[in-house]
Protein backbone atom coordinates (compact mmCIF):
# COMPACT_ATOMS: atom_id res chain seq x y z
CA MET A 1 -32.25 67.42 20.04
CA ALA A 2 -34.48 65.26 17.86
CA ARG A 3 -37.22 66.71 15.72
CA ASN A 4 -40.46 65.02 14.75
CA ILE A 5 -41.74 65.62 11.22
CA LYS A 6 -45.21 64.18 10.52
CA ASN A 7 -44.76 61.13 12.74
CA PRO A 8 -48.27 59.86 13.58
CA LEU A 9 -47.06 58.28 16.84
CA LEU A 10 -45.91 61.63 18.22
CA GLN A 11 -48.55 63.86 16.62
CA GLY A 12 -49.78 66.38 19.21
CA ILE A 13 -47.85 64.83 22.12
CA SER A 14 -45.97 66.91 24.67
CA GLY A 15 -44.63 66.38 28.18
CA THR A 16 -42.09 64.20 29.94
CA LEU A 17 -41.53 60.50 29.28
CA GLY A 18 -40.08 58.29 32.01
CA ARG A 19 -38.23 61.16 33.73
CA LEU A 20 -35.72 61.04 30.87
CA LEU A 21 -37.16 62.76 27.81
CA THR A 22 -39.17 65.90 27.24
CA LEU A 23 -41.40 66.44 24.22
CA THR A 24 -42.30 70.03 23.36
CA GLN A 25 -44.91 71.12 20.82
CA ARG A 26 -43.89 74.23 18.83
CA PRO A 27 -46.43 76.72 17.44
CA SER A 28 -45.51 75.56 13.92
CA GLY A 29 -46.75 72.07 14.81
CA LYS A 30 -43.29 70.51 15.09
CA THR A 31 -42.54 68.33 18.08
CA VAL A 32 -39.07 68.63 19.62
CA LEU A 33 -37.63 65.77 21.70
CA GLY A 34 -34.89 66.53 24.24
CA ILE A 35 -33.24 65.17 27.36
CA LYS A 36 -34.97 66.13 30.59
CA ARG A 37 -32.70 68.35 32.63
CA GLY A 38 -32.54 68.29 36.38
CA LYS A 39 -31.55 71.01 38.79
CA SER A 40 -27.80 71.45 39.13
CA LYS A 41 -26.20 70.78 42.50
CA LYS A 42 -23.25 73.10 41.83
CA LYS A 43 -22.99 76.45 43.61
CA LEU A 44 -23.65 79.37 41.26
CA SER A 45 -20.82 81.76 40.44
CA ASP A 46 -21.27 85.53 40.75
CA LYS A 47 -21.49 85.74 36.95
CA GLN A 48 -24.25 83.10 36.87
CA ILE A 49 -26.19 84.93 39.58
CA ALA A 50 -25.91 88.18 37.58
CA ILE A 51 -27.20 86.43 34.46
CA GLN A 52 -30.12 84.97 36.41
CA GLU A 53 -30.99 88.45 37.66
CA GLN A 54 -30.80 89.82 34.12
CA PHE A 55 -33.04 86.93 33.00
CA LYS A 56 -35.63 87.80 35.68
CA LEU A 57 -35.67 91.44 34.59
CA ALA A 58 -36.03 90.40 30.94
CA VAL A 59 -39.04 88.25 31.84
CA ILE A 60 -40.67 91.19 33.64
CA TYR A 61 -39.98 93.48 30.67
CA ALA A 62 -41.29 90.96 28.11
CA LYS A 63 -44.53 90.47 30.06
CA ALA A 64 -45.01 94.23 30.32
CA ALA A 65 -44.28 94.68 26.60
CA LEU A 66 -47.11 92.28 25.73
CA GLU A 67 -49.50 94.50 27.70
CA ASP A 68 -48.34 97.67 25.93
CA PRO A 69 -50.41 98.55 22.82
CA ILE A 70 -47.36 100.04 21.09
CA LEU A 71 -44.62 97.59 22.10
CA GLN A 72 -46.58 94.39 21.49
CA PRO A 73 -47.05 95.00 17.71
CA PHE A 74 -43.49 96.40 17.51
CA TYR A 75 -42.06 93.08 18.74
CA GLU A 76 -44.60 91.01 16.80
CA LYS A 77 -43.20 92.25 13.49
CA PHE A 78 -39.76 90.82 14.40
CA ALA A 79 -41.10 87.38 15.34
CA GLY A 80 -40.39 84.53 12.95
CA PRO A 81 -41.66 80.95 12.85
CA ASP A 82 -41.91 79.41 16.34
CA GLN A 83 -41.29 82.82 17.90
CA SER A 84 -43.59 85.30 19.59
CA ALA A 85 -43.63 88.96 20.53
CA TYR A 86 -42.72 87.78 24.03
CA ASN A 87 -39.59 86.02 22.69
CA MET A 88 -38.54 89.16 20.82
CA ALA A 89 -39.12 91.47 23.80
CA PHE A 90 -37.19 89.07 26.02
CA ALA A 91 -34.28 88.96 23.55
CA ASP A 92 -34.26 92.76 23.34
CA ALA A 93 -34.12 93.08 27.11
CA MET A 94 -31.22 90.63 27.32
CA LYS A 95 -28.93 92.48 24.90
CA PRO A 96 -27.94 96.15 25.22
CA PRO A 97 -27.18 98.35 22.21
CA GLU A 98 -23.67 98.57 20.74
CA ILE A 99 -21.69 101.75 20.18
CA ARG A 100 -19.56 100.83 17.19
CA ASP A 101 -17.83 104.16 16.58
CA VAL A 102 -17.51 107.70 17.91
CA SER A 103 -16.05 109.99 15.24
CA THR A 104 -14.60 113.27 16.49
CA VAL A 105 -12.91 114.22 13.20
CA ASN A 106 -15.23 117.22 12.82
CA TYR A 107 -15.09 118.27 16.47
CA LEU A 108 -12.47 120.97 17.05
CA GLY A 109 -14.06 122.55 20.11
CA ARG A 110 -16.09 125.17 18.26
CA VAL A 111 -19.83 125.82 18.42
CA GLY A 112 -21.45 123.96 15.52
CA ASP A 113 -18.77 121.22 15.33
CA THR A 114 -20.17 117.71 15.09
CA ILE A 115 -19.60 114.29 16.58
CA ILE A 116 -20.97 111.24 14.76
CA ILE A 117 -21.89 108.15 16.74
CA ARG A 118 -22.71 104.79 15.18
CA ALA A 119 -25.00 102.95 17.59
CA ILE A 120 -26.90 99.79 16.72
CA ASP A 121 -29.28 97.36 18.39
CA ALA A 122 -31.00 94.18 17.22
CA PHE A 123 -34.30 96.05 17.55
CA LYS A 124 -34.01 99.81 18.05
CA VAL A 125 -31.74 102.43 19.62
CA VAL A 126 -34.11 105.06 21.02
CA ALA A 127 -31.65 107.67 22.28
CA VAL A 128 -28.00 108.66 22.20
CA LYS A 129 -26.75 111.17 24.74
CA VAL A 130 -23.38 112.95 24.57
CA ALA A 131 -21.50 114.62 27.43
CA ILE A 132 -18.28 116.56 26.87
CA ARG A 133 -15.96 117.20 29.81
CA THR A 134 -12.57 118.84 30.28
CA ALA A 135 -9.50 116.74 31.04
CA VAL A 136 -10.10 117.34 34.78
CA GLY A 137 -13.78 116.32 34.51
CA ASP A 138 -15.64 119.65 34.43
CA LEU A 139 -18.78 119.45 32.30
CA ILE A 140 -18.63 121.58 29.17
CA GLU A 141 -21.94 120.49 27.67
CA GLU A 142 -24.30 117.60 27.24
CA GLY A 143 -27.31 116.82 25.11
CA ASN A 144 -29.03 114.40 22.79
CA ALA A 145 -27.73 113.33 19.40
CA VAL A 146 -30.11 113.19 16.43
CA LEU A 147 -30.69 110.02 14.42
CA GLN A 148 -29.62 110.39 10.79
CA VAL A 149 -31.56 109.15 7.74
CA ASN A 150 -29.39 106.02 7.42
CA GLY A 151 -30.84 104.73 10.72
CA LEU A 152 -27.36 103.90 12.05
CA ASP A 153 -25.60 107.16 12.79
CA TRP A 154 -26.45 109.78 15.39
CA LEU A 155 -25.24 113.38 15.03
CA TYR A 156 -24.37 115.58 17.97
CA THR A 157 -23.77 119.29 17.30
CA ALA A 158 -21.72 121.25 19.84
CA THR A 159 -23.44 124.25 21.42
CA VAL A 160 -20.59 125.46 23.67
CA ALA A 161 -17.00 126.34 22.75
CA ASN A 162 -14.41 124.02 24.26
CA GLU A 163 -11.28 126.05 25.05
CA GLU A 164 -9.53 123.04 26.60
CA LEU A 165 -9.82 120.55 23.72
CA PRO A 166 -6.71 118.38 24.27
CA GLY A 167 -7.53 115.71 26.85
CA SER A 168 -11.26 116.39 26.72
CA LYS A 169 -13.48 113.38 27.41
CA ILE A 170 -16.51 112.53 25.33
CA LYS A 171 -18.98 110.17 26.98
CA VAL A 172 -21.65 108.61 24.77
CA THR A 173 -24.64 106.71 26.17
CA ALA A 174 -26.86 104.69 23.82
CA THR A 175 -30.21 103.44 25.11
CA ASP A 176 -32.57 100.87 23.56
CA THR A 177 -36.31 100.24 23.95
CA PRO A 178 -36.07 98.25 27.23
CA ALA A 179 -33.81 101.03 28.64
CA ASN A 180 -30.58 99.02 28.41
CA ALA A 181 -27.74 101.52 28.25
CA THR A 182 -24.25 101.19 26.82
CA ILE A 183 -21.59 103.76 27.65
CA LYS A 184 -18.44 104.53 25.69
CA GLU A 185 -15.91 107.17 26.65
CA ILE A 186 -13.12 108.48 24.48
CA ILE A 187 -10.40 111.04 25.11
CA ILE A 188 -9.50 113.60 22.47
């Protein structure tokens, strides 16, 4: 991709030249020159179709975020040069949060024991939910974890005694602003 820097011949120009090249004007004033792409004749794979669907949903979310008086300034503060709040909202919708770690060191099945979850997102994790089940799948308890002051870790405090600790399953669900959810399950 070629870039134009203060070239008087290309100043303010945009569009397609001779069905071969495309010139795009960026908000910063730069002009970007690229090869014009045509529509592919190959049949899409299932993975490509899924990505296209995700792309469509991200477009819908980004448009809605620009109409929201809270989300629009939220995404604006993340935008850099040649980016917009729309670009940031779109990027957020395309990528779910990550659950990096679920620490059960302090969970021994007693009321008051804690589980620490490290969940991150490029923008913001808005909720982390924890469900604890027995080895056979019976629900012991579930609830929301609380964000800690470091902005990375979420603390869940047990409210029910777990008499069947070995083999228990802990399911953690992290959700971000566009409601993307990531699930991680561990067995004690």
